């Protein structure tokens, strides 16, 4: 059974930075990508960053140049460094695996989420 546990969310002022972490456990296919999604109140889930096993990265336009996805395989941990945060980045952030790129339909394992709130 795959488990994903996010941490690192919180409240920050616009222009600030946060780093999210996602600790994974259980068997994950060697070819599976890992990704970060977010969902703001009243909006659909948005794929924002993904990384392949060989560290090819995918970013949504909304975060390109501001967010950085990385992974530490020795620690079974996925990271999302978020810089230059904006109020519109406020959302619940989820870690996911088992899929490909930013296509949410391909991901079958999800964490419970961590809240990020950016104030102006």
Protein backbone atom coordinates (compact mmCIF):
# COMPACT_ATOMS: atom_id res chain seq x y z
CA UNK A 1 0.00 0.00 0.00
CA UNK A 2 1.44 3.33 -1.07
CA UNK A 3 1.18 6.19 1.40
CA UNK A 4 2.01 9.81 0.74
CA UNK A 5 2.27 12.34 3.55
CA UNK A 6 2.67 16.03 2.79
CA UNK A 7 4.10 18.63 5.13
CA UNK A 8 5.47 22.16 5.07
CA UNK A 9 2.34 24.15 4.33
CA UNK A 10 1.49 27.30 6.21
CA UNK A 11 0.75 30.99 5.94
CA UNK A 12 3.11 33.40 4.24
CA UNK A 13 3.00 36.91 2.86
CA UNK A 14 3.09 37.59 -0.86
CA UNK A 15 6.62 37.43 -2.19
CA UNK A 16 7.65 34.88 0.39
CA UNK A 17 8.76 31.28 0.01
CA UNK A 18 7.79 27.87 1.31
CA UNK A 19 9.08 24.35 0.76
CA UNK A 20 6.64 21.45 0.76
CA UNK A 21 7.70 17.88 1.40
CA UNK A 22 6.03 14.59 0.56
CA UNK A 23 7.24 11.42 2.26
CA UNK A 24 6.32 8.24 0.43
CA UNK A 25 6.16 4.67 1.65
CA UNK A 26 5.20 1.37 0.08
CA UNK A 27 5.96 0.03 -3.36
CA UNK A 28 6.02 2.59 -6.17
CA UNK A 29 6.60 1.49 -9.75
CA UNK A 30 10.08 2.43 -10.94
CA UNK A 31 8.67 4.22 -13.96
CA UNK A 32 6.10 6.30 -12.11
CA UNK A 33 6.33 10.06 -12.00
CA UNK A 34 5.66 12.06 -8.88
CA UNK A 35 3.70 15.27 -8.94
CA UNK A 36 2.28 18.17 -7.03
CA UNK A 37 -1.28 19.29 -7.52
CA UNK A 38 -3.29 22.02 -5.89
CA UNK A 39 -6.92 22.88 -5.44
CA UNK A 40 -8.20 26.29 -4.46
CA UNK A 41 -11.68 26.75 -2.96
CA UNK A 42 -14.32 26.52 -5.66
CA UNK A 43 -11.83 25.49 -8.33
CA UNK A 44 -10.75 22.25 -9.91
CA UNK A 45 -7.57 20.37 -9.20
CA UNK A 46 -4.56 21.81 -11.03
CA UNK A 47 -1.38 19.91 -11.81
CA UNK A 48 1.51 22.28 -11.19
CA UNK A 49 4.72 20.23 -11.21
CA UNK A 50 5.84 16.70 -11.93
CA UNK A 51 9.13 14.84 -12.07
CA UNK A 52 10.13 11.60 -13.75
CA UNK A 53 12.36 8.94 -12.20
CA UNK A 54 15.28 10.36 -14.21
CA UNK A 55 14.43 13.90 -13.08
CA UNK A 56 12.74 15.27 -16.18
CA UNK A 57 10.55 18.07 -14.86
CA UNK A 58 7.17 19.36 -15.96
CA UNK A 59 5.64 22.66 -14.83
CA UNK A 60 2.36 24.42 -15.31
CA UNK A 61 2.63 27.91 -16.79
CA UNK A 62 1.18 29.36 -13.62
CA UNK A 63 4.24 28.33 -11.60
CA UNK A 64 6.99 28.12 -14.23
CA UNK A 65 10.03 30.06 -13.05
CA UNK A 66 8.79 30.34 -9.46
CA UNK A 67 8.41 26.75 -8.24
CA UNK A 68 11.00 23.97 -8.29
CA UNK A 69 10.20 20.28 -7.95
CA UNK A 70 12.89 17.89 -6.74
CA UNK A 71 13.22 14.47 -5.19
CA UNK A 72 15.56 12.69 -2.83
CA UNK A 73 15.21 8.99 -3.59
CA UNK A 74 17.36 7.98 -0.62
CA UNK A 75 14.85 9.68 1.68
CA UNK A 76 11.74 8.72 -0.34
CA UNK A 77 10.87 12.40 -0.32
CA UNK A 78 9.49 14.74 -2.95
CA UNK A 79 9.89 18.49 -2.54
CA UNK A 80 8.31 21.62 -3.94
CA UNK A 81 10.20 24.84 -3.42
CA UNK A 82 7.80 27.74 -3.91
CA UNK A 83 9.26 31.20 -4.43
CA UNK A 84 7.68 34.59 -5.12
CA UNK A 85 4.38 33.37 -3.77
CA UNK A 86 1.20 35.19 -4.80
CA UNK A 87 -2.25 35.28 -3.17
CA UNK A 88 -3.55 33.20 -6.09
CA UNK A 89 -1.22 30.38 -5.00
CA UNK A 90 -3.46 29.88 -1.97
CA UNK A 91 -4.74 26.31 -2.14
CA UNK A 92 -4.55 22.84 -0.70
CA UNK A 93 -1.45 21.18 -2.14
CA UNK A 94 -1.38 17.45 -2.83
CA UNK A 95 1.37 14.99 -3.64
CA UNK A 96 0.62 12.22 -6.11
CA UNK A 97 2.35 9.28 -7.74
CA UNK A 98 1.73 6.40 -10.09
CA UNK A 99 1.09 8.60 -13.10
CA UNK A 100 2.74 10.56 -15.87
CA UNK A 101 3.49 14.25 -16.27
CA UNK A 102 0.66 16.58 -15.29
CA UNK A 103 -2.17 14.31 -16.41
CA UNK A 104 -4.20 13.84 -13.22
CA UNK A 105 -6.15 10.96 -14.74
CA UNK A 106 -3.03 8.80 -14.65
CA UNK A 107 -2.27 9.25 -10.96
CA UNK A 108 -3.72 6.68 -8.60
CA UNK A 109 -2.06 7.51 -5.29
CA UNK A 110 -2.70 10.78 -3.49
CA UNK A 111 -1.75 12.33 -0.18
CA UNK A 112 -4.13 14.12 2.17
CA UNK A 113 -2.82 17.56 1.32
CA UNK A 114 -1.20 20.49 3.08
CA UNK A 115 -2.69 23.99 3.12
CA UNK A 116 -0.80 26.99 1.74
CA UNK A 117 -2.20 30.45 2.37
CA UNK A 118 -0.62 33.54 0.84
CA UNK A 119 -1.72 36.93 2.10
CA UNK A 120 -1.33 40.20 0.23
